Amino acid sequence: MKLGVTSLLEDHPQILEGKRVGLVTNSRAVNEAGVSVHRAFLRARVHVTAFFSPEHGFQGEAADGAHVGQATDSESGIVIPSLYGETRKPGRAMRENVDVLVYDLPSMGVRFYTYLATLGLILDAAAENQKPVIVLDRPVIVNASDVEGGPSKKASRALSDPIPCRCATA
């Protein structure tokens, strides 16, 4: 299995050739070798012009719900605006400095986590500014034996039981 970041950088680097790339990630997003996604992009000589950090900041260490300020990447010197501070949506830096946005954040495996909301705002900003977005996939590793709460009625059905489909017709 390959992560989306590896597939993009190794198998499809031409997608980013000649492009100014804005990367939405944090240091917790790593490739199969344990290298952070932002470092992998820099080492692959992708022309990264902007990083954007979600809740918990670029280093992933801020407390839940804490507003995060701007940071600077020590390796590249690129300023990292927070998407969980005064603004939640990329603004001027994306409009002026980015041809394509790449989103790669590890999910917590829950629908209510803020990274999904960040993706929605990224997609809105990209649409407003006519910028493409590449969303890189990665598996969500959860321990199914520690699930809390009872199964839903649908989840308790046998896999072979038909589930009725209620489709609206126009």
N, C-alpha and C. Protein backbone atom coordinates (compact mmCIF):
# COMPACT_ATOMS: atom_id res chain seq x y z
N MET A 1 0.84 -1.17 0.00
CA MET A 1 0.00 0.00 0.00
C MET A 1 0.90 1.25 0.00
N LYS A 2 0.52 2.23 -0.79
CA LYS A 2 1.22 3.51 -0.83
C LYS A 2 0.30 4.61 -0.32
N LEU A 3 0.86 5.50 0.43
CA LEU A 3 0.11 6.68 0.84
C LEU A 3 -0.02 7.63 -0.35
N GLY A 4 -1.00 8.51 -0.29
CA GLY A 4 -1.21 9.47 -1.36
C GLY A 4 0.02 10.33 -1.62
N VAL A 5 0.71 10.74 -0.55
CA VAL A 5 1.90 11.59 -0.71
C VAL A 5 2.98 10.87 -1.51
N THR A 6 3.17 9.59 -1.24
CA THR A 6 4.19 8.82 -1.96
C THR A 6 3.80 8.63 -3.41
N SER A 7 2.55 8.32 -3.64
CA SER A 7 2.07 8.16 -5.01
C SER A 7 2.26 9.45 -5.81
N LEU A 8 1.91 10.58 -5.22
CA LEU A 8 2.03 11.86 -5.91
C LEU A 8 3.50 12.18 -6.20
N LEU A 9 4.35 12.10 -5.19
CA LEU A 9 5.74 12.52 -5.35
C LEU A 9 6.57 11.55 -6.18
N GLU A 10 6.29 10.25 -6.08
CA GLU A 10 7.10 9.27 -6.80
C GLU A 10 6.52 8.86 -8.15
N ASP A 11 5.21 8.68 -8.21
CA ASP A 11 4.58 8.16 -9.42
C ASP A 11 4.01 9.24 -10.33
N HIS A 12 3.68 10.39 -9.79
CA HIS A 12 3.02 11.44 -10.57
C HIS A 12 3.60 12.83 -10.31
N PRO A 13 4.92 12.98 -10.25
CA PRO A 13 5.48 14.29 -9.93
C PRO A 13 5.17 15.35 -10.98
N GLN A 14 4.85 14.93 -12.20
CA GLN A 14 4.55 15.89 -13.27
C GLN A 14 3.31 16.72 -12.97
N ILE A 15 2.46 16.25 -12.09
CA ILE A 15 1.26 17.00 -11.72
C ILE A 15 1.63 18.34 -11.08
N LEU A 16 2.75 18.36 -10.36
CA LEU A 16 3.16 19.56 -9.65
C LEU A 16 4.26 20.34 -10.36
N GLU A 17 4.77 19.81 -11.47
CA GLU A 17 5.86 20.47 -12.19
C GLU A 17 5.48 21.88 -12.62
N GLY A 18 6.36 22.82 -12.32
CA GLY A 18 6.14 24.21 -12.71
C GLY A 18 5.06 24.92 -11.94
N LYS A 19 4.53 24.29 -10.91
CA LYS A 19 3.44 24.87 -10.13
C LYS A 19 3.96 25.41 -8.79
N ARG A 20 3.35 26.49 -8.34
CA ARG A 20 3.58 26.99 -6.98
C ARG A 20 2.56 26.28 -6.10
N VAL A 21 3.07 25.54 -5.14
CA VAL A 21 2.23 24.64 -4.35
C VAL A 21 2.00 25.19 -2.95
N GLY A 22 0.73 25.19 -2.54
CA GLY A 22 0.36 25.47 -1.17
C GLY A 22 0.03 24.15 -0.51
N LEU A 23 0.63 23.88 0.63
CA LEU A 23 0.48 22.59 1.29
C LEU A 23 -0.25 22.76 2.62
N VAL A 24 -1.39 22.10 2.76
CA VAL A 24 -2.17 22.11 4.00
C VAL A 24 -1.83 20.81 4.73
N THR A 25 -1.06 20.93 5.81
CA THR A 25 -0.61 19.74 6.51
C THR A 25 -0.13 20.13 7.90
N ASN A 26 0.39 19.17 8.62
CA ASN A 26 1.09 19.42 9.87
C ASN A 26 2.19 18.38 10.01
N SER A 27 3.00 18.51 11.05
CA SER A 27 4.14 17.61 11.20
C SER A 27 3.73 16.20 11.56
N ARG A 28 2.47 15.97 11.91
CA ARG A 28 1.98 14.63 12.24
C ARG A 28 1.69 13.79 10.99
N ALA A 29 1.55 14.46 9.85
CA ALA A 29 1.34 13.75 8.59
C ALA A 29 2.71 13.31 8.08
N VAL A 30 2.93 12.01 8.00
CA VAL A 30 4.22 11.48 7.58
C VAL A 30 4.04 10.46 6.45
N ASN A 31 5.13 10.23 5.72
CA ASN A 31 5.09 9.19 4.69
C ASN A 31 5.47 7.85 5.31
N GLU A 32 5.59 6.83 4.48
CA GLU A 32 5.87 5.48 4.97
C GLU A 32 7.21 5.38 5.70
N ALA A 33 8.14 6.27 5.38
CA ALA A 33 9.46 6.27 6.03
C ALA A 33 9.48 7.11 7.30
N GLY A 34 8.33 7.70 7.66
CA GLY A 34 8.25 8.52 8.85
C GLY A 34 8.70 9.96 8.65
N VAL A 35 8.91 10.36 7.38
CA VAL A 35 9.31 11.73 7.06
C VAL A 35 8.05 12.56 6.94
N SER A 36 8.02 13.73 7.58
CA SER A 36 6.83 14.57 7.51
C SER A 36 6.55 14.95 6.05
N VAL A 37 5.29 15.11 5.74
CA VAL A 37 4.87 15.41 4.38
C VAL A 37 5.53 16.69 3.88
N HIS A 38 5.58 17.72 4.73
CA HIS A 38 6.16 18.98 4.25
C HIS A 38 7.65 18.81 3.94
N ARG A 39 8.35 18.01 4.73
CA ARG A 39 9.78 17.75 4.44
C ARG A 39 9.91 16.92 3.16
N ALA A 40 9.04 15.95 2.97
CA ALA A 40 9.08 15.13 1.76
C ALA A 40 8.89 15.99 0.52
N PHE A 41 7.98 16.96 0.58
CA PHE A 41 7.76 17.87 -0.55
C PHE A 41 9.01 18.70 -0.81
N LEU A 42 9.61 19.24 0.26
CA LEU A 42 10.80 20.06 0.09
C LEU A 42 11.96 19.23 -0.46
N ARG A 43 12.13 18.02 0.04
CA ARG A 43 13.22 17.16 -0.43
C ARG A 43 13.02 16.69 -1.87
N ALA A 44 11.76 16.61 -2.29
CA ALA A 44 11.46 16.23 -3.68
C ALA A 44 11.57 17.44 -4.62
N ARG A 45 11.98 18.57 -4.05
CA ARG A 45 12.18 19.82 -4.79
C ARG A 45 10.89 20.34 -5.44
N VAL A 46 9.76 20.07 -4.76
CA VAL A 46 8.50 20.66 -5.18
C VAL A 46 8.58 22.14 -4.82
N HIS A 47 8.08 22.99 -5.70
CA HIS A 47 8.13 24.44 -5.48
C HIS A 47 7.01 24.85 -4.51
N VAL A 48 7.25 24.58 -3.22
CA VAL A 48 6.27 24.92 -2.18
C VAL A 48 6.43 26.40 -1.86
N THR A 49 5.34 27.14 -2.02
CA THR A 49 5.36 28.58 -1.75
C THR A 49 4.56 28.94 -0.51
N ALA A 50 3.77 28.01 -0.02
CA ALA A 50 2.96 28.30 1.17
C ALA A 50 2.63 27.01 1.90
N PHE A 51 2.70 27.08 3.22
CA PHE A 51 2.18 26.03 4.09
C PHE A 51 0.99 26.64 4.82
N PHE A 52 0.02 25.82 5.15
CA PHE A 52 -1.12 26.25 5.95
C PHE A 52 -1.30 25.22 7.05
N SER A 53 -1.51 25.68 8.28
CA SER A 53 -1.66 24.74 9.39
C SER A 53 -3.10 24.75 9.91
N PRO A 54 -3.59 23.57 10.31
CA PRO A 54 -4.94 23.43 10.84
C PRO A 54 -4.96 23.59 12.36
N GLU A 55 -6.07 23.17 12.98
CA GLU A 55 -6.14 23.15 14.44
C GLU A 55 -4.94 22.38 14.98
N HIS A 56 -4.46 22.75 16.12
CA HIS A 56 -3.30 22.17 16.80
C HIS A 56 -1.98 22.69 16.25
N GLY A 57 -2.01 23.52 15.20
CA GLY A 57 -0.81 24.14 14.68
C GLY A 57 0.02 23.23 13.79
N PHE A 58 1.05 23.80 13.22
CA PHE A 58 1.90 23.07 12.28
C PHE A 58 2.65 21.94 12.97
N GLN A 59 3.01 22.13 14.22
CA GLN A 59 3.71 21.07 14.96
C GLN A 59 2.73 20.09 15.61
N GLY A 60 1.43 20.41 15.56
CA GLY A 60 0.42 19.51 16.12
C GLY A 60 0.40 19.47 17.62
N GLU A 61 0.88 20.52 18.27
CA GLU A 61 1.02 20.50 19.72
C GLU A 61 0.07 21.44 20.47
N ALA A 62 -0.67 22.28 19.76
CA ALA A 62 -1.58 23.21 20.44
C ALA A 62 -2.77 22.45 21.02
N ALA A 63 -3.31 22.97 22.10
CA ALA A 63 -4.45 22.33 22.76
C ALA A 63 -5.70 22.38 21.89
N ASP A 64 -6.61 21.45 22.13
CA ASP A 64 -7.89 21.43 21.42
C ASP A 64 -8.57 22.79 21.53
N GLY A 65 -8.99 23.34 20.41
CA GLY A 65 -9.74 24.58 20.39
C GLY A 65 -8.92 25.84 20.57
N ALA A 66 -7.63 25.70 20.87
CA ALA A 66 -6.78 26.89 21.08
C ALA A 66 -6.51 27.58 19.75
N HIS A 67 -6.63 28.90 19.75
CA HIS A 67 -6.29 29.65 18.54
C HIS A 67 -4.79 29.54 18.34
N VAL A 68 -4.41 29.33 17.09
CA VAL A 68 -3.00 29.11 16.76
C VAL A 68 -2.53 30.28 15.91
N GLY A 69 -1.37 30.79 16.24
CA GLY A 69 -0.81 31.90 15.49
C GLY A 69 0.03 31.44 14.31
N GLN A 70 0.53 32.39 13.59
CA GLN A 70 1.39 32.15 12.43
C GLN A 70 2.72 31.57 12.92
N ALA A 71 3.35 30.74 12.09
CA ALA A 71 4.65 30.15 12.40
C ALA A 71 5.54 30.30 11.17
N THR A 72 6.78 29.87 11.28
CA THR A 72 7.71 29.87 10.15
C THR A 72 8.41 28.53 10.12
N ASP A 73 8.49 27.91 8.95
CA ASP A 73 9.20 26.64 8.79
C ASP A 73 10.70 26.89 8.89
N SER A 74 11.36 26.18 9.78
CA SER A 74 12.79 26.41 10.02
C SER A 74 13.66 25.99 8.83
N GLU A 75 13.25 25.00 8.06
CA GLU A 75 14.07 24.53 6.94
C GLU A 75 13.98 25.44 5.73
N SER A 76 12.76 25.86 5.39
CA SER A 76 12.56 26.62 4.16
C SER A 76 12.41 28.12 4.38
N GLY A 77 12.07 28.51 5.61
CA GLY A 77 11.81 29.92 5.90
C GLY A 77 10.43 30.37 5.47
N ILE A 78 9.61 29.43 4.99
CA ILE A 78 8.25 29.76 4.53
C ILE A 78 7.37 30.08 5.74
N VAL A 79 6.65 31.18 5.65
CA VAL A 79 5.70 31.57 6.69
C VAL A 79 4.50 30.64 6.62
N ILE A 80 4.01 30.22 7.78
CA ILE A 80 2.90 29.27 7.85
C ILE A 80 1.71 29.94 8.51
N PRO A 81 0.77 30.46 7.69
CA PRO A 81 -0.43 31.05 8.30
C PRO A 81 -1.29 29.96 8.94
N SER A 82 -1.89 30.29 10.05
CA SER A 82 -2.77 29.35 10.73
C SER A 82 -4.16 29.40 10.12
N LEU A 83 -4.77 28.26 9.99
CA LEU A 83 -6.18 28.17 9.60
C LEU A 83 -7.04 27.87 10.82
N TYR A 84 -6.47 28.12 12.00
CA TYR A 84 -7.22 27.94 13.22
C TYR A 84 -6.86 29.05 14.21
N GLY A 85 -6.92 30.26 13.70
CA GLY A 85 -6.64 31.44 14.52
C GLY A 85 -7.63 32.51 14.13
N GLU A 86 -7.10 33.66 13.72
CA GLU A 86 -7.98 34.76 13.30
C GLU A 86 -8.77 34.40 12.05
N THR A 87 -8.19 33.57 11.22
CA THR A 87 -8.88 33.15 10.00
C THR A 87 -8.93 31.63 9.93
N ARG A 88 -9.92 31.10 9.27
CA ARG A 88 -10.07 29.65 9.12
C ARG A 88 -9.96 29.25 7.65
N LYS A 89 -9.79 30.23 6.79
CA LYS A 89 -9.81 29.98 5.35
C LYS A 89 -8.62 30.69 4.71
N PRO A 90 -7.87 30.00 3.84
CA PRO A 90 -6.72 30.67 3.22
C PRO A 90 -7.17 31.90 2.45
N GLY A 91 -6.42 32.96 2.57
CA GLY A 91 -6.78 34.22 1.91
C GLY A 91 -5.73 34.67 0.92
N ARG A 92 -5.15 35.81 1.20
CA ARG A 92 -4.24 36.48 0.27
C ARG A 92 -3.07 35.60 -0.18
N ALA A 93 -2.45 34.89 0.74
CA ALA A 93 -1.29 34.06 0.39
C ALA A 93 -1.66 33.03 -0.67
N MET A 94 -2.87 32.48 -0.57
CA MET A 94 -3.29 31.49 -1.56
C MET A 94 -3.57 32.16 -2.90
N ARG A 95 -4.23 33.30 -2.88
CA ARG A 95 -4.59 33.97 -4.13
C ARG A 95 -3.36 34.41 -4.91
N GLU A 96 -2.35 34.89 -4.21
CA GLU A 96 -1.20 35.50 -4.88
C GLU A 96 -0.03 34.56 -5.08
N ASN A 97 0.06 33.51 -4.30
CA ASN A 97 1.29 32.75 -4.24
C ASN A 97 1.15 31.27 -4.58
N VAL A 98 -0.04 30.82 -4.93
CA VAL A 98 -0.29 29.39 -5.07
C VAL A 98 -1.03 29.10 -6.38
N ASP A 99 -0.54 28.09 -7.09
CA ASP A 99 -1.24 27.61 -8.30
C ASP A 99 -2.12 26.41 -7.99
N VAL A 100 -1.71 25.60 -7.02
CA VAL A 100 -2.45 24.39 -6.65
C VAL A 100 -2.28 24.16 -5.15
N LEU A 101 -3.35 23.71 -4.50
CA LEU A 101 -3.32 23.37 -3.08
C LEU A 101 -3.27 21.86 -2.92
N VAL A 102 -2.44 21.39 -2.02
CA VAL A 102 -2.38 19.96 -1.69
C VAL A 102 -2.74 19.83 -0.21
N TYR A 103 -3.71 18.96 0.06
CA TYR A 103 -4.21 18.75 1.43
C TYR A 103 -3.81 17.35 1.87
N ASP A 104 -3.08 17.25 2.97
CA ASP A 104 -2.73 15.95 3.53
C ASP A 104 -2.67 16.08 5.04
N LEU A 105 -3.73 15.66 5.70
CA LEU A 105 -3.80 15.68 7.15
C LEU A 105 -4.26 14.31 7.65
N PRO A 106 -3.62 13.80 8.69
CA PRO A 106 -4.09 12.52 9.23
C PRO A 106 -5.42 12.71 9.93
N SER A 107 -6.35 11.83 9.66
CA SER A 107 -7.68 11.91 10.24
C SER A 107 -7.71 11.18 11.57
N MET A 108 -8.60 11.61 12.42
CA MET A 108 -8.79 10.93 13.70
C MET A 108 -9.84 9.83 13.58
N GLY A 109 -10.41 9.68 12.39
CA GLY A 109 -11.41 8.63 12.20
C GLY A 109 -12.78 8.99 12.71
N VAL A 110 -13.03 10.28 12.93
CA VAL A 110 -14.33 10.73 13.40
C VAL A 110 -14.83 11.85 12.50
N ARG A 111 -16.13 11.90 12.31
CA ARG A 111 -16.69 12.89 11.39
C ARG A 111 -16.66 14.31 11.93
N PHE A 112 -16.62 14.47 13.23
CA PHE A 112 -16.74 15.81 13.81
C PHE A 112 -15.40 16.51 13.98
N TYR A 113 -14.31 15.89 13.64
CA TYR A 113 -12.99 16.49 13.84
C TYR A 113 -12.81 17.69 12.91
N THR A 114 -12.08 18.69 13.35
CA THR A 114 -11.98 19.96 12.62
C THR A 114 -11.24 19.86 11.30
N TYR A 115 -10.45 18.82 11.09
CA TYR A 115 -9.70 18.73 9.82
C TYR A 115 -10.66 18.62 8.64
N LEU A 116 -11.78 17.98 8.83
CA LEU A 116 -12.77 17.90 7.76
C LEU A 116 -13.37 19.27 7.47
N ALA A 117 -13.63 20.06 8.52
CA ALA A 117 -14.12 21.42 8.33
C ALA A 117 -13.07 22.27 7.63
N THR A 118 -11.80 22.07 7.98
CA THR A 118 -10.71 22.78 7.31
C THR A 118 -10.69 22.44 5.83
N LEU A 119 -10.88 21.17 5.50
CA LEU A 119 -10.92 20.78 4.08
C LEU A 119 -12.06 21.50 3.37
N GLY A 120 -13.22 21.58 4.00
CA GLY A 120 -14.35 22.28 3.38
C GLY A 120 -14.02 23.74 3.09
N LEU A 121 -13.37 24.40 4.03
CA LEU A 121 -12.99 25.80 3.83
C LEU A 121 -11.91 25.94 2.78
N ILE A 122 -11.00 24.99 2.71
CA ILE A 122 -9.97 24.98 1.65
C ILE A 122 -10.65 24.87 0.29
N LEU A 123 -11.61 23.97 0.18
CA LEU A 123 -12.32 23.79 -1.10
C LEU A 123 -13.09 25.05 -1.47
N ASP A 124 -13.72 25.70 -0.50
CA ASP A 124 -14.43 26.96 -0.76
C ASP A 124 -13.47 28.03 -1.28
N ALA A 125 -12.35 28.21 -0.57
CA ALA A 125 -11.36 29.22 -0.96
C ALA A 125 -10.79 28.92 -2.34
N ALA A 126 -10.53 27.66 -2.61
CA ALA A 126 -9.98 27.27 -3.91
C ALA A 126 -10.98 27.56 -5.02
N ALA A 127 -12.25 27.26 -4.78
CA ALA A 127 -13.28 27.53 -5.79
C ALA A 127 -13.40 29.03 -6.04
N GLU A 128 -13.38 29.83 -4.98
CA GLU A 128 -13.48 31.28 -5.12
C GLU A 128 -12.31 31.86 -5.93
N ASN A 129 -11.16 31.21 -5.83
CA ASN A 129 -9.95 31.72 -6.49
C ASN A 129 -9.53 30.87 -7.69
N GLN A 130 -10.40 29.97 -8.09
CA GLN A 130 -10.18 29.10 -9.25
C GLN A 130 -8.83 28.38 -9.18
N LYS A 131 -8.60 27.74 -8.04
CA LYS A 131 -7.37 26.97 -7.80
C LYS A 131 -7.74 25.50 -7.63
N PRO A 132 -6.99 24.60 -8.26
CA PRO A 132 -7.25 23.18 -8.04
C PRO A 132 -6.76 22.73 -6.66
N VAL A 133 -7.39 21.67 -6.15
CA VAL A 133 -7.02 21.08 -4.86
C VAL A 133 -6.76 19.60 -5.07
N ILE A 134 -5.66 19.12 -4.52
CA ILE A 134 -5.35 17.70 -4.52
C ILE A 134 -5.46 17.23 -3.08
N VAL A 135 -6.35 16.27 -2.83
CA VAL A 135 -6.52 15.72 -1.49
C VAL A 135 -5.83 14.37 -1.47
N LEU A 136 -4.80 14.25 -0.64
CA LEU A 136 -4.04 13.01 -0.55
C LEU A 136 -4.67 12.10 0.50
N ASP A 137 -4.76 10.84 0.15
CA ASP A 137 -5.42 9.89 1.05
C ASP A 137 -4.41 9.15 1.91
N ARG A 138 -4.89 8.68 3.03
CA ARG A 138 -4.10 7.85 3.93
C ARG A 138 -5.08 7.03 4.76
N PRO A 139 -4.71 5.83 5.15
CA PRO A 139 -5.65 5.01 5.93
C PRO A 139 -5.85 5.60 7.32
N VAL A 140 -7.02 5.34 7.87
CA VAL A 140 -7.30 5.71 9.26
C VAL A 140 -7.16 4.42 10.06
N ILE A 141 -6.17 4.41 10.91
CA ILE A 141 -5.91 3.22 11.71
C ILE A 141 -6.65 3.37 13.03
N VAL A 142 -7.65 2.53 13.22
CA VAL A 142 -8.40 2.54 14.48
C VAL A 142 -8.41 1.12 15.03
N ASN A 143 -8.50 1.03 16.33
CA ASN A 143 -8.54 -0.26 16.99
C ASN A 143 -10.00 -0.64 17.17
N ALA A 144 -10.51 -1.49 16.30
CA ALA A 144 -11.93 -1.83 16.30
C ALA A 144 -12.36 -2.55 17.57
N SER A 145 -11.44 -3.13 18.30
CA SER A 145 -11.82 -3.85 19.51
C SER A 145 -12.14 -2.91 20.67
N ASP A 146 -11.77 -1.64 20.58
CA ASP A 146 -12.01 -0.69 21.65
C ASP A 146 -13.14 0.29 21.35
N VAL A 147 -14.02 -0.05 20.44
CA VAL A 147 -15.13 0.82 20.10
C VAL A 147 -16.07 0.92 21.29
N GLU A 148 -16.47 2.15 21.62
CA GLU A 148 -17.38 2.34 22.74
C GLU A 148 -18.81 2.48 22.25
N GLY A 149 -19.74 2.04 23.05
CA GLY A 149 -21.14 2.14 22.69
C GLY A 149 -21.60 0.92 21.92
N GLY A 150 -22.89 0.75 21.84
CA GLY A 150 -23.44 -0.41 21.13
C GLY A 150 -23.53 -0.18 19.64
N PRO A 151 -23.64 -1.24 18.89
CA PRO A 151 -23.76 -1.10 17.44
C PRO A 151 -25.12 -0.53 17.07
N SER A 152 -25.15 0.17 15.94
CA SER A 152 -26.43 0.67 15.46
C SER A 152 -27.24 -0.50 14.93
N LYS A 153 -28.53 -0.29 14.74
CA LYS A 153 -29.36 -1.37 14.22
C LYS A 153 -28.89 -1.79 12.84
N LYS A 154 -28.50 -0.83 12.01
CA LYS A 154 -28.01 -1.17 10.67
C LYS A 154 -26.71 -1.96 10.75
N ALA A 155 -25.82 -1.57 11.67
CA ALA A 155 -24.53 -2.24 11.79
C ALA A 155 -24.68 -3.67 12.30
N SER A 156 -25.77 -3.96 13.01
CA SER A 156 -25.93 -5.29 13.58
C SER A 156 -26.54 -6.27 12.58
N ARG A 157 -26.96 -5.80 11.41
CA ARG A 157 -27.49 -6.72 10.40
C ARG A 157 -26.39 -7.60 9.85
N ALA A 158 -26.74 -8.75 9.42
CA ALA A 158 -25.77 -9.62 8.74
C ALA A 158 -25.40 -8.97 7.41
N LEU A 159 -24.18 -9.18 6.98
CA LEU A 159 -23.74 -8.58 5.72
C LEU A 159 -24.58 -9.04 4.54
N SER A 160 -25.13 -10.24 4.64
CA SER A 160 -25.93 -10.77 3.52
C SER A 160 -27.36 -10.23 3.51
N ASP A 161 -27.81 -9.61 4.62
CA ASP A 161 -29.16 -9.06 4.66
C ASP A 161 -29.26 -7.86 3.74
N PRO A 162 -30.28 -7.82 2.92
CA PRO A 162 -30.43 -6.64 2.05
C PRO A 162 -30.80 -5.42 2.87
N ILE A 163 -30.23 -4.28 2.50
CA ILE A 163 -30.57 -3.01 3.12
C ILE A 163 -31.39 -2.24 2.13
N PRO A 164 -32.63 -1.89 2.48
CA PRO A 164 -33.48 -1.19 1.51
C PRO A 164 -32.89 0.17 1.13
N CYS A 165 -33.04 0.48 -0.14
CA CYS A 165 -32.55 1.76 -0.66
C CYS A 165 -33.74 2.68 -0.84
N ARG A 166 -33.68 3.86 -0.26
CA ARG A 166 -34.74 4.84 -0.44
C ARG A 166 -34.18 5.96 -1.29
N CYS A 167 -34.49 5.94 -2.54
CA CYS A 167 -33.95 6.93 -3.48
C CYS A 167 -35.04 7.89 -3.90
N ALA A 168 -34.71 9.15 -3.93
CA ALA A 168 -35.66 10.15 -4.42
C ALA A 168 -35.55 10.24 -5.93
N THR A 169 -36.65 10.38 -6.57
CA THR A 169 -36.63 10.55 -8.03
C THR A 169 -37.10 11.95 -8.37
N ALA A 170 -36.50 12.47 -9.41
CA ALA A 170 -36.85 13.82 -9.83
C ALA A 170 -37.94 13.79 -10.87
